N, C-alpha and C. Protein backbone atom coordinates (compact mmCIF):
# COMPACT_ATOMS: atom_id res chain seq x y z
N MET A 1 0.94 -1.27 -0.07
CA MET A 1 0.07 0.09 0.02
C MET A 1 0.95 1.24 0.06
N THR A 2 0.56 2.12 -0.88
CA THR A 2 1.30 3.51 -1.04
C THR A 2 0.80 4.57 -0.19
N ALA A 3 1.45 5.67 0.17
CA ALA A 3 0.91 6.96 0.61
C ALA A 3 -0.25 7.33 -0.22
N SER A 4 -0.59 7.10 -1.34
CA SER A 4 -1.33 7.79 -2.13
C SER A 4 -2.57 6.86 -2.44
N THR A 5 -2.98 5.76 -1.62
CA THR A 5 -4.06 5.14 -1.53
C THR A 5 -5.36 5.87 -1.24
N ASN A 6 -6.38 5.64 -2.06
CA ASN A 6 -7.53 6.33 -1.94
C ASN A 6 -8.64 5.64 -1.75
N ILE A 7 -9.66 5.91 -0.73
CA ILE A 7 -10.98 5.20 -0.90
C ILE A 7 -12.13 6.16 -0.91
N ALA A 8 -13.02 5.86 -1.92
CA ALA A 8 -14.17 6.74 -2.17
C ALA A 8 -15.29 6.30 -1.11
N LEU A 9 -15.81 7.09 -0.24
CA LEU A 9 -16.79 6.56 0.54
C LEU A 9 -18.29 7.29 0.05
N ILE A 10 -19.18 6.08 -0.01
CA ILE A 10 -20.42 6.37 -0.50
C ILE A 10 -21.47 6.09 0.82
N ILE A 11 -22.00 6.97 1.25
CA ILE A 11 -23.32 6.68 2.36
C ILE A 11 -24.61 6.72 1.76
N GLY A 12 -24.86 5.48 1.83
CA GLY A 12 -26.31 5.37 1.08
C GLY A 12 -27.57 6.07 1.60
N SER A 13 -27.68 6.62 2.74
CA SER A 13 -28.68 7.38 3.51
C SER A 13 -28.19 9.04 3.28
N LEU A 14 -29.30 9.56 2.77
CA LEU A 14 -29.17 10.98 2.43
C LEU A 14 -29.88 11.93 3.80
N ARG A 15 -30.06 11.26 4.73
CA ARG A 15 -30.43 11.66 5.99
C ARG A 15 -29.27 12.55 6.88
N LYS A 16 -29.35 13.57 7.07
CA LYS A 16 -28.23 14.37 7.89
C LYS A 16 -27.86 13.69 9.16
N ALA A 17 -29.04 13.00 9.92
CA ALA A 17 -28.58 12.70 11.25
C ALA A 17 -28.67 10.94 10.99
N SER A 18 -28.33 10.53 9.82
CA SER A 18 -28.35 9.11 9.69
C SER A 18 -27.19 8.32 10.62
N ILE A 19 -27.65 7.14 10.97
CA ILE A 19 -26.87 6.42 11.79
C ILE A 19 -25.68 5.79 10.93
N ASN A 20 -26.02 5.49 9.87
CA ASN A 20 -24.91 5.09 8.86
C ASN A 20 -24.02 6.15 8.52
N ARG A 21 -24.15 7.26 8.69
CA ARG A 21 -22.98 8.35 8.60
C ARG A 21 -22.14 8.22 9.90
N LYS A 22 -22.95 8.15 11.16
CA LYS A 22 -22.21 7.91 12.32
C LYS A 22 -21.30 6.74 12.15
N PHE A 23 -21.68 5.69 11.80
CA PHE A 23 -20.86 4.42 11.65
C PHE A 23 -19.83 4.75 10.53
N ALA A 24 -20.03 5.22 9.59
CA ALA A 24 -19.20 5.62 8.41
C ALA A 24 -17.99 6.54 8.99
N GLU A 25 -18.26 7.59 9.71
CA GLU A 25 -17.52 8.58 10.31
C GLU A 25 -16.30 7.78 11.20
N TYR A 26 -17.20 6.79 11.95
CA TYR A 26 -16.15 6.22 13.07
C TYR A 26 -15.40 5.26 12.16
N ILE A 27 -15.64 4.60 11.39
CA ILE A 27 -14.79 3.67 10.44
C ILE A 27 -13.81 4.51 9.80
N VAL A 28 -13.97 5.75 9.21
CA VAL A 28 -13.03 6.48 8.59
C VAL A 28 -11.92 6.97 9.68
N SER A 29 -12.49 7.40 10.83
CA SER A 29 -11.58 7.85 11.94
C SER A 29 -10.45 6.63 12.33
N GLN A 30 -10.88 5.52 12.12
CA GLN A 30 -10.12 4.45 12.20
C GLN A 30 -9.02 3.83 11.35
N ILE A 31 -9.33 4.50 9.96
CA ILE A 31 -8.42 4.20 8.82
C ILE A 31 -7.13 4.82 9.04
N PRO A 32 -6.11 4.19 8.98
CA PRO A 32 -4.59 4.94 8.90
C PRO A 32 -4.54 6.08 8.02
N ASP A 33 -3.71 7.19 8.56
CA ASP A 33 -3.49 8.46 7.81
C ASP A 33 -2.88 8.15 6.21
N SER A 34 -2.33 7.09 6.03
CA SER A 34 -1.66 6.84 4.79
C SER A 34 -2.90 6.60 3.80
N ILE A 35 -4.02 6.20 4.15
CA ILE A 35 -5.20 6.03 3.33
C ILE A 35 -5.95 7.35 3.21
N LYS A 36 -6.16 8.12 2.14
CA LYS A 36 -7.33 9.18 2.15
C LYS A 36 -8.50 8.64 1.68
N VAL A 37 -9.45 9.28 2.54
CA VAL A 37 -10.97 8.70 2.42
C VAL A 37 -11.62 10.12 1.72
N SER A 38 -12.30 9.98 0.70
CA SER A 38 -13.15 11.09 0.16
C SER A 38 -14.68 10.58 -0.02
N GLU A 39 -15.45 11.32 0.59
CA GLU A 39 -16.94 11.19 0.44
C GLU A 39 -17.41 11.60 -0.83
N VAL A 40 -18.03 10.76 -1.33
CA VAL A 40 -18.59 10.74 -2.75
C VAL A 40 -20.11 11.59 -2.50
N ASN A 41 -20.65 12.60 -2.83
CA ASN A 41 -21.75 13.33 -2.59
C ASN A 41 -22.86 12.52 -3.68
N ILE A 42 -23.73 12.10 -3.35
CA ILE A 42 -24.72 11.53 -4.09
C ILE A 42 -26.12 12.14 -4.26
N ALA A 43 -26.36 13.01 -3.23
CA ALA A 43 -27.69 13.71 -3.10
C ALA A 43 -28.07 14.39 -4.12
N ASP A 44 -27.07 15.00 -5.11
CA ASP A 44 -27.52 15.82 -6.05
C ASP A 44 -27.67 15.11 -7.60
N LEU A 45 -27.39 13.74 -7.72
CA LEU A 45 -27.45 13.06 -8.63
C LEU A 45 -28.85 13.03 -9.28
N PRO A 46 -29.15 13.43 -10.76
CA PRO A 46 -30.77 13.06 -11.24
C PRO A 46 -30.60 11.43 -11.34
N LEU A 47 -31.99 10.96 -11.32
CA LEU A 47 -31.97 9.85 -11.43
C LEU A 47 -31.37 9.43 -12.79
N TYR A 48 -30.99 8.08 -12.90
CA TYR A 48 -30.25 7.62 -14.14
C TYR A 48 -31.46 7.14 -15.14
N ASN A 49 -31.10 7.86 -16.28
CA ASN A 49 -31.94 7.39 -17.53
C ASN A 49 -30.84 7.13 -18.62
N GLN A 50 -31.16 6.23 -19.46
CA GLN A 50 -30.23 5.84 -20.48
C GLN A 50 -30.18 6.83 -21.42
N ASP A 51 -31.26 7.54 -21.61
CA ASP A 51 -31.17 8.62 -22.58
C ASP A 51 -29.87 9.76 -22.28
N TYR A 52 -29.62 9.78 -20.90
CA TYR A 52 -28.40 10.69 -20.60
C TYR A 52 -27.12 10.11 -20.81
N ASP A 53 -26.91 9.01 -21.54
CA ASP A 53 -25.61 8.30 -21.76
C ASP A 53 -24.88 9.35 -22.92
N ASP A 54 -25.58 9.75 -23.72
CA ASP A 54 -24.93 10.66 -24.74
C ASP A 54 -24.85 12.02 -24.34
N MET A 55 -25.13 12.44 -23.20
CA MET A 55 -25.18 13.89 -22.76
C MET A 55 -24.17 13.87 -21.52
N THR A 56 -23.55 15.13 -21.31
CA THR A 56 -22.67 15.46 -20.07
C THR A 56 -23.41 16.21 -19.05
N ILE A 57 -23.53 15.16 -18.00
CA ILE A 57 -24.13 15.98 -16.82
C ILE A 57 -23.05 15.83 -15.78
N ASP A 58 -22.86 17.29 -15.18
CA ASP A 58 -21.83 17.65 -14.48
C ASP A 58 -21.79 16.55 -13.13
N SER A 59 -22.79 16.37 -12.53
CA SER A 59 -22.81 15.82 -11.17
C SER A 59 -22.48 14.34 -11.55
N TYR A 60 -22.80 13.59 -12.78
CA TYR A 60 -22.45 12.38 -13.04
C TYR A 60 -21.04 12.21 -13.41
N GLU A 61 -20.70 13.13 -13.92
CA GLU A 61 -19.10 13.23 -14.20
C GLU A 61 -18.16 13.25 -13.11
N ARG A 62 -18.63 14.24 -12.32
CA ARG A 62 -17.88 14.21 -10.90
C ARG A 62 -17.91 12.73 -10.30
N VAL A 63 -19.14 12.21 -10.02
CA VAL A 63 -19.11 10.92 -9.42
C VAL A 63 -18.13 9.91 -9.95
N ARG A 64 -18.25 9.77 -11.34
CA ARG A 64 -17.55 8.67 -11.96
C ARG A 64 -16.23 9.07 -11.94
N ALA A 65 -15.64 10.28 -12.08
CA ALA A 65 -14.29 10.62 -11.87
C ALA A 65 -13.68 10.36 -10.51
N GLN A 66 -14.53 10.61 -9.35
CA GLN A 66 -14.24 10.36 -8.10
C GLN A 66 -13.99 8.94 -8.05
N LEU A 67 -15.09 8.09 -8.57
CA LEU A 67 -14.93 6.85 -8.07
C LEU A 67 -13.57 5.80 -9.04
N LYS A 68 -13.31 6.61 -10.21
CA LYS A 68 -12.47 6.02 -10.95
C LYS A 68 -11.11 6.27 -10.48
N ALA A 69 -10.88 7.48 -9.61
CA ALA A 69 -9.87 7.85 -9.26
C ALA A 69 -9.41 6.97 -8.11
N ALA A 70 -10.27 6.27 -7.10
CA ALA A 70 -10.43 5.71 -6.01
C ALA A 70 -9.73 4.36 -6.18
N ASP A 71 -8.72 3.95 -5.28
CA ASP A 71 -8.31 2.59 -5.28
C ASP A 71 -9.53 1.47 -4.75
N ALA A 72 -10.25 2.11 -4.20
CA ALA A 72 -11.43 1.23 -3.47
C ALA A 72 -12.56 2.15 -3.17
N VAL A 73 -13.70 1.52 -2.95
CA VAL A 73 -14.81 1.98 -2.61
C VAL A 73 -15.59 1.42 -1.20
N LEU A 74 -15.69 2.33 -0.33
CA LEU A 74 -16.54 1.66 0.88
C LEU A 74 -18.02 2.34 0.82
N ILE A 75 -18.78 1.25 0.97
CA ILE A 75 -20.30 1.63 0.92
C ILE A 75 -20.67 1.50 2.44
N VAL A 76 -21.25 2.49 2.89
CA VAL A 76 -22.10 2.44 4.36
C VAL A 76 -23.48 2.75 4.12
N THR A 77 -24.42 1.77 4.47
CA THR A 77 -25.79 2.28 3.90
C THR A 77 -26.65 1.46 4.53
N PRO A 78 -28.13 2.14 4.76
CA PRO A 78 -29.28 1.51 5.51
C PRO A 78 -29.97 0.42 4.45
N GLU A 79 -30.97 -0.01 4.94
CA GLU A 79 -31.84 -0.84 3.98
C GLU A 79 -33.17 -0.05 3.79
N HIS A 80 -33.86 0.00 2.63
CA HIS A 80 -34.95 0.82 2.43
C HIS A 80 -35.89 -0.53 1.64
N ASN A 81 -36.77 -1.01 2.41
CA ASN A 81 -37.76 -2.09 1.85
C ASN A 81 -37.11 -3.14 1.40
N ARG A 82 -36.22 -3.66 2.47
CA ARG A 82 -35.83 -4.89 1.98
C ARG A 82 -34.58 -4.89 0.87
N THR A 83 -34.40 -3.79 0.41
CA THR A 83 -33.02 -3.50 -0.40
C THR A 83 -32.25 -2.25 -0.21
N MET A 84 -31.44 -2.06 -1.10
CA MET A 84 -30.36 -0.88 -1.13
C MET A 84 -31.48 0.53 -1.44
N PRO A 85 -31.28 1.59 -0.76
CA PRO A 85 -31.78 2.91 -0.97
C PRO A 85 -31.80 3.18 -2.31
N ALA A 86 -32.64 4.08 -2.75
CA ALA A 86 -32.80 4.40 -4.10
C ALA A 86 -31.58 5.37 -4.67
N ALA A 87 -31.07 6.11 -3.75
CA ALA A 87 -29.91 7.01 -3.98
C ALA A 87 -28.68 6.13 -4.22
N LEU A 88 -28.48 5.09 -3.56
CA LEU A 88 -27.40 4.32 -3.67
C LEU A 88 -27.68 3.66 -5.10
N LYS A 89 -28.78 2.92 -5.24
CA LYS A 89 -28.86 2.40 -6.56
C LYS A 89 -28.79 3.03 -7.70
N ASN A 90 -29.00 4.59 -7.57
CA ASN A 90 -28.64 5.39 -8.66
C ASN A 90 -27.43 5.47 -8.87
N VAL A 91 -26.45 5.54 -8.07
CA VAL A 91 -25.14 6.07 -8.43
C VAL A 91 -24.42 4.30 -8.70
N VAL A 92 -24.94 3.23 -8.33
CA VAL A 92 -24.58 1.89 -8.85
C VAL A 92 -24.83 2.02 -10.35
N ASP A 93 -25.75 2.73 -10.78
CA ASP A 93 -26.47 2.69 -12.22
C ASP A 93 -25.77 3.52 -13.07
N ILE A 94 -25.28 4.41 -12.28
CA ILE A 94 -24.64 5.70 -13.08
C ILE A 94 -23.41 5.31 -13.39
N ALA A 95 -22.56 4.85 -12.44
CA ALA A 95 -21.16 4.45 -12.80
C ALA A 95 -20.67 3.54 -13.74
N PRO A 96 -21.51 2.61 -14.35
CA PRO A 96 -21.01 2.02 -15.31
C PRO A 96 -21.13 2.47 -16.59
N ARG A 97 -21.89 3.47 -16.74
CA ARG A 97 -22.46 4.09 -18.07
C ARG A 97 -21.31 5.35 -18.55
N PRO A 98 -21.50 5.57 -19.60
CA PRO A 98 -22.08 4.68 -20.69
C PRO A 98 -21.35 3.52 -21.08
N HIS A 99 -22.23 2.56 -21.78
CA HIS A 99 -21.71 1.09 -21.81
C HIS A 99 -20.21 1.08 -22.47
N GLY A 100 -19.77 0.19 -21.92
CA GLY A 100 -18.14 -0.02 -22.17
C GLY A 100 -17.31 1.03 -21.08
N ASN A 101 -17.92 1.81 -20.37
CA ASN A 101 -17.01 2.60 -19.36
C ASN A 101 -17.18 2.55 -18.14
N SER A 102 -17.48 1.40 -17.62
CA SER A 102 -17.74 1.20 -16.18
C SER A 102 -16.57 1.43 -15.22
N VAL A 103 -16.83 2.20 -14.27
CA VAL A 103 -15.82 2.32 -13.35
C VAL A 103 -15.88 1.33 -12.16
N TRP A 104 -16.77 0.42 -12.39
CA TRP A 104 -16.93 -0.52 -11.39
C TRP A 104 -16.01 -1.68 -11.93
N THR A 105 -15.60 -1.91 -12.76
CA THR A 105 -14.95 -3.00 -13.47
C THR A 105 -13.60 -3.14 -12.52
N GLY A 106 -13.24 -4.27 -11.90
CA GLY A 106 -12.02 -4.34 -11.25
C GLY A 106 -11.90 -3.51 -9.80
N LYS A 107 -12.99 -2.76 -9.66
CA LYS A 107 -12.79 -1.82 -8.36
C LYS A 107 -13.03 -2.58 -7.09
N LYS A 108 -12.13 -2.26 -6.15
CA LYS A 108 -12.45 -3.06 -4.84
C LYS A 108 -13.57 -2.31 -4.04
N VAL A 109 -14.44 -3.08 -3.60
CA VAL A 109 -15.78 -2.58 -2.92
C VAL A 109 -15.91 -3.02 -1.57
N ALA A 110 -16.13 -2.48 -0.47
CA ALA A 110 -16.55 -3.10 0.63
C ALA A 110 -17.73 -2.41 1.11
N VAL A 111 -18.50 -3.11 1.59
CA VAL A 111 -20.05 -2.67 2.36
C VAL A 111 -20.32 -2.99 3.68
N VAL A 112 -20.76 -2.21 4.36
CA VAL A 112 -21.28 -2.26 5.62
C VAL A 112 -22.60 -1.50 5.76
N THR A 113 -23.51 -2.31 6.59
CA THR A 113 -25.00 -2.06 6.49
C THR A 113 -25.35 -1.78 8.11
N ALA A 114 -26.14 -0.93 8.22
CA ALA A 114 -26.73 -0.55 9.53
C ALA A 114 -28.10 -0.33 9.70
N SER A 115 -28.88 -0.78 10.60
CA SER A 115 -30.28 -0.60 10.43
C SER A 115 -30.98 -0.75 11.98
N PRO A 116 -31.98 -0.08 12.31
CA PRO A 116 -32.43 -0.46 13.63
C PRO A 116 -33.26 -1.48 13.63
N SER A 117 -33.26 -2.26 12.46
CA SER A 117 -34.26 -3.55 12.50
C SER A 117 -32.98 -4.85 12.93
N THR A 118 -34.01 -5.84 13.14
CA THR A 118 -33.15 -6.96 13.68
C THR A 118 -32.08 -7.40 12.48
N TYR A 119 -32.43 -7.20 11.27
CA TYR A 119 -31.51 -7.67 10.48
C TYR A 119 -30.57 -7.02 9.84
N GLY A 120 -30.19 -5.76 10.51
CA GLY A 120 -29.09 -5.11 10.00
C GLY A 120 -28.92 -4.63 8.62
N GLY A 121 -29.95 -4.57 7.93
CA GLY A 121 -29.88 -4.10 6.52
C GLY A 121 -29.05 -5.18 5.60
N ARG A 122 -29.18 -6.46 6.00
CA ARG A 122 -28.61 -7.57 5.43
C ARG A 122 -29.17 -7.85 3.99
N SER A 123 -30.47 -7.52 3.78
CA SER A 123 -30.80 -7.62 2.24
C SER A 123 -30.37 -6.53 1.50
N SER A 124 -30.12 -5.25 1.97
CA SER A 124 -29.67 -4.42 1.48
C SER A 124 -28.12 -4.66 0.84
N GLY A 125 -27.43 -5.03 1.96
CA GLY A 125 -25.97 -5.57 1.58
C GLY A 125 -25.80 -6.49 0.76
N LEU A 126 -26.71 -7.53 0.63
CA LEU A 126 -26.58 -8.62 -0.30
C LEU A 126 -26.80 -8.16 -1.55
N ASP A 127 -27.84 -7.33 -1.85
CA ASP A 127 -28.20 -6.54 -3.15
C ASP A 127 -26.99 -5.61 -3.47
N VAL A 128 -26.41 -5.03 -2.77
CA VAL A 128 -25.13 -4.44 -3.10
C VAL A 128 -24.10 -5.35 -3.79
N ARG A 129 -23.82 -6.26 -2.89
CA ARG A 129 -22.80 -7.25 -3.36
C ARG A 129 -23.23 -7.99 -4.92
N LYS A 130 -24.45 -8.35 -4.82
CA LYS A 130 -25.12 -9.05 -6.07
C LYS A 130 -24.77 -7.82 -7.38
N SER A 131 -25.11 -6.63 -7.08
CA SER A 131 -25.03 -5.71 -8.06
C SER A 131 -23.43 -5.41 -8.61
N MET A 132 -22.77 -5.46 -7.40
CA MET A 132 -21.50 -5.27 -7.67
C MET A 132 -20.55 -6.36 -8.27
N GLN A 133 -21.04 -7.52 -8.10
CA GLN A 133 -20.30 -8.57 -8.88
C GLN A 133 -20.81 -8.65 -10.18
N MET A 134 -22.32 -8.40 -10.50
CA MET A 134 -22.38 -8.52 -11.69
C MET A 134 -21.71 -7.37 -12.62
N LEU A 135 -21.36 -6.30 -11.94
CA LEU A 135 -20.68 -5.11 -12.61
C LEU A 135 -19.13 -5.54 -12.66
N SER A 136 -18.62 -6.57 -12.12
CA SER A 136 -17.25 -7.06 -12.31
C SER A 136 -16.53 -6.31 -11.28
N ALA A 137 -16.90 -5.88 -10.04
CA ALA A 137 -16.18 -5.11 -8.89
C ALA A 137 -15.56 -6.40 -8.11
N GLN A 138 -14.31 -5.82 -7.61
CA GLN A 138 -13.90 -6.90 -6.56
C GLN A 138 -14.23 -6.96 -5.15
N MET A 139 -15.36 -7.55 -4.62
CA MET A 139 -15.95 -7.44 -3.30
C MET A 139 -15.16 -7.88 -2.34
N MET A 140 -15.08 -7.20 -1.13
CA MET A 140 -14.45 -7.55 0.13
C MET A 140 -15.44 -8.75 0.53
N ILE A 141 -15.07 -9.79 0.64
CA ILE A 141 -15.80 -11.04 1.25
C ILE A 141 -16.06 -10.99 2.54
N SER A 142 -14.94 -10.71 3.56
CA SER A 142 -15.15 -10.93 4.82
C SER A 142 -14.12 -10.06 5.60
N PRO A 143 -14.69 -9.63 6.85
CA PRO A 143 -15.94 -9.74 7.51
C PRO A 143 -17.26 -9.04 6.89
N GLU A 144 -18.29 -9.75 6.96
CA GLU A 144 -19.70 -9.06 6.43
C GLU A 144 -19.87 -8.43 7.63
N VAL A 145 -20.43 -6.95 7.53
CA VAL A 145 -20.94 -6.13 8.60
C VAL A 145 -22.40 -5.82 8.30
N TYR A 146 -23.28 -6.40 9.05
CA TYR A 146 -24.70 -6.04 9.02
C TYR A 146 -25.02 -5.72 10.50
N LEU A 147 -24.96 -4.54 10.75
CA LEU A 147 -25.40 -3.90 12.09
C LEU A 147 -26.90 -3.93 12.63
N GLY A 148 -27.38 -4.92 13.13
CA GLY A 148 -28.71 -4.80 13.49
C GLY A 148 -29.06 -4.33 14.81
N HIS A 149 -30.06 -3.79 14.88
CA HIS A 149 -30.48 -2.95 16.12
C HIS A 149 -29.36 -2.01 16.43
N ALA A 150 -29.26 -1.26 15.21
CA ALA A 150 -27.97 -0.34 15.18
C ALA A 150 -27.98 0.79 16.15
N THR A 151 -29.11 1.20 16.44
CA THR A 151 -29.12 2.34 17.51
C THR A 151 -28.92 1.99 18.77
N ASP A 152 -28.84 0.63 19.19
CA ASP A 152 -28.22 0.12 20.34
C ASP A 152 -26.75 -0.03 20.41
N SER A 153 -26.16 0.41 19.32
CA SER A 153 -24.78 0.48 18.99
C SER A 153 -24.39 1.91 19.35
N LEU A 154 -25.12 2.69 19.64
CA LEU A 154 -24.86 4.28 19.76
C LEU A 154 -24.73 4.33 21.23
N ASN A 155 -23.80 5.30 21.73
CA ASN A 155 -24.12 5.76 23.20
C ASN A 155 -24.87 7.02 23.15
N GLU A 156 -25.59 7.33 24.24
CA GLU A 156 -26.40 8.46 24.30
C GLU A 156 -25.94 9.70 23.48
N ASP A 157 -24.87 10.02 23.44
CA ASP A 157 -24.40 11.23 22.81
C ASP A 157 -24.13 10.85 21.32
N GLY A 158 -24.42 9.80 20.74
CA GLY A 158 -24.37 9.54 19.59
C GLY A 158 -22.98 8.84 18.98
N SER A 159 -22.36 8.66 19.88
CA SER A 159 -20.81 7.94 19.57
C SER A 159 -21.02 6.51 19.53
N VAL A 160 -20.19 5.80 18.87
CA VAL A 160 -20.21 4.47 18.57
C VAL A 160 -19.67 3.75 20.01
N SER A 161 -20.69 2.60 20.36
CA SER A 161 -20.19 1.97 21.67
C SER A 161 -19.21 1.30 21.62
N GLU A 162 -18.42 1.09 22.80
CA GLU A 162 -17.38 0.38 22.83
C GLU A 162 -17.36 -0.92 22.33
N ARG A 163 -18.31 -1.67 22.59
CA ARG A 163 -18.48 -3.08 22.05
C ARG A 163 -18.47 -2.92 20.43
N THR A 164 -19.11 -2.22 19.98
CA THR A 164 -19.29 -2.04 18.39
C THR A 164 -18.09 -1.24 17.87
N GLN A 165 -17.23 -0.74 18.63
CA GLN A 165 -16.03 -0.16 18.10
C GLN A 165 -14.88 -1.47 17.92
N LYS A 166 -15.05 -2.22 19.01
CA LYS A 166 -14.11 -3.58 18.65
C LYS A 166 -14.48 -4.28 17.48
N PHE A 167 -15.89 -4.64 17.31
CA PHE A 167 -16.20 -5.25 16.14
C PHE A 167 -15.86 -4.65 14.96
N LEU A 168 -15.86 -3.17 14.81
CA LEU A 168 -15.76 -2.65 13.55
C LEU A 168 -14.35 -2.50 13.36
N GLN A 169 -13.45 -2.49 14.60
CA GLN A 169 -12.26 -2.25 14.33
C GLN A 169 -11.63 -3.56 13.35
N LYS A 170 -12.23 -4.73 13.57
CA LYS A 170 -11.91 -5.87 12.69
C LYS A 170 -12.01 -5.84 11.12
N PHE A 171 -13.33 -5.12 11.13
CA PHE A 171 -13.73 -4.59 9.63
C PHE A 171 -12.44 -3.72 9.20
N VAL A 172 -12.01 -2.80 9.97
CA VAL A 172 -11.17 -1.71 9.28
C VAL A 172 -9.83 -2.33 9.23
N ASP A 173 -9.35 -3.42 9.94
CA ASP A 173 -8.10 -3.99 9.64
C ASP A 173 -8.16 -4.79 8.45
N GLU A 174 -9.38 -5.60 8.34
CA GLU A 174 -9.43 -6.32 6.97
C GLU A 174 -9.60 -5.47 5.60
N LEU A 175 -10.50 -4.27 5.88
CA LEU A 175 -10.44 -3.40 4.82
C LEU A 175 -9.00 -2.75 4.50
N VAL A 176 -8.31 -2.32 5.51
CA VAL A 176 -7.10 -1.90 5.09
C VAL A 176 -6.16 -3.12 4.16
N GLU A 177 -6.13 -4.33 4.69
CA GLU A 177 -5.41 -5.08 4.23
C GLU A 177 -6.11 -5.49 2.90
N PHE A 178 -7.31 -5.25 2.49
CA PHE A 178 -7.93 -5.64 1.39
C PHE A 178 -7.59 -4.39 0.36
N VAL A 179 -7.64 -3.34 0.63
CA VAL A 179 -7.24 -2.13 -0.32
C VAL A 179 -5.85 -2.28 -0.61
N GLY A 180 -4.75 -2.65 0.53
CA GLY A 180 -3.36 -2.59 0.10
C GLY A 180 -3.04 -3.73 -0.74
N ASN A 181 -3.84 -4.96 -0.88
CA ASN A 181 -3.70 -6.02 -1.66
C ASN A 181 -4.13 -5.90 -2.93
N THR A 182 -2.83 -5.68 -3.89
CA THR A 182 -3.01 -5.44 -5.38
C THR A 182 -3.19 -6.48 -6.12
N GLY A 183 -3.04 -7.86 -5.49
CA GLY A 183 -3.18 -8.90 -6.10
C GLY A 183 -4.81 -9.32 -6.18
N ALA A 184 -5.44 -9.87 -7.31
CA ALA A 184 -6.66 -10.23 -7.29
C ALA A 184 -6.80 -11.60 -6.28
């Protein structure tokens, strides 16, 4: 791993007070300084439409460039109606277009889900993995992180509980190794 390693961070929730943002911020705070993490803003993206493939849409181009420049992508997302949120699905669909120019091909991708529900966004995480694999991304297989009853993993002040910090540290350690491993 070089000092110029970059991770693009996509937070699947657009809510300002998202619990997924809190977990993403904690994870990022534990990543070594030698890895630069930059959030990809997905809130301003028009819904994908194939008619746009022959057009230049500034927000699409910005997101594609950010993802292309990254060595890996970390997705931290909730679950909406047993699947990934529409805003996340939108960026998943924008990034491989126009046809033949996918930024997902060979891109290292890791996913974390968190939900107040029992299953922790498992369906969302599996759908992200399914889409990424179809798009030829290189998925981080283990550890899988589906934080169920995620609000219980936060202290009263909104910080991540000590128990969850220990759990997430294992993920961070594996993520750093995954990003640094240039072999497929």
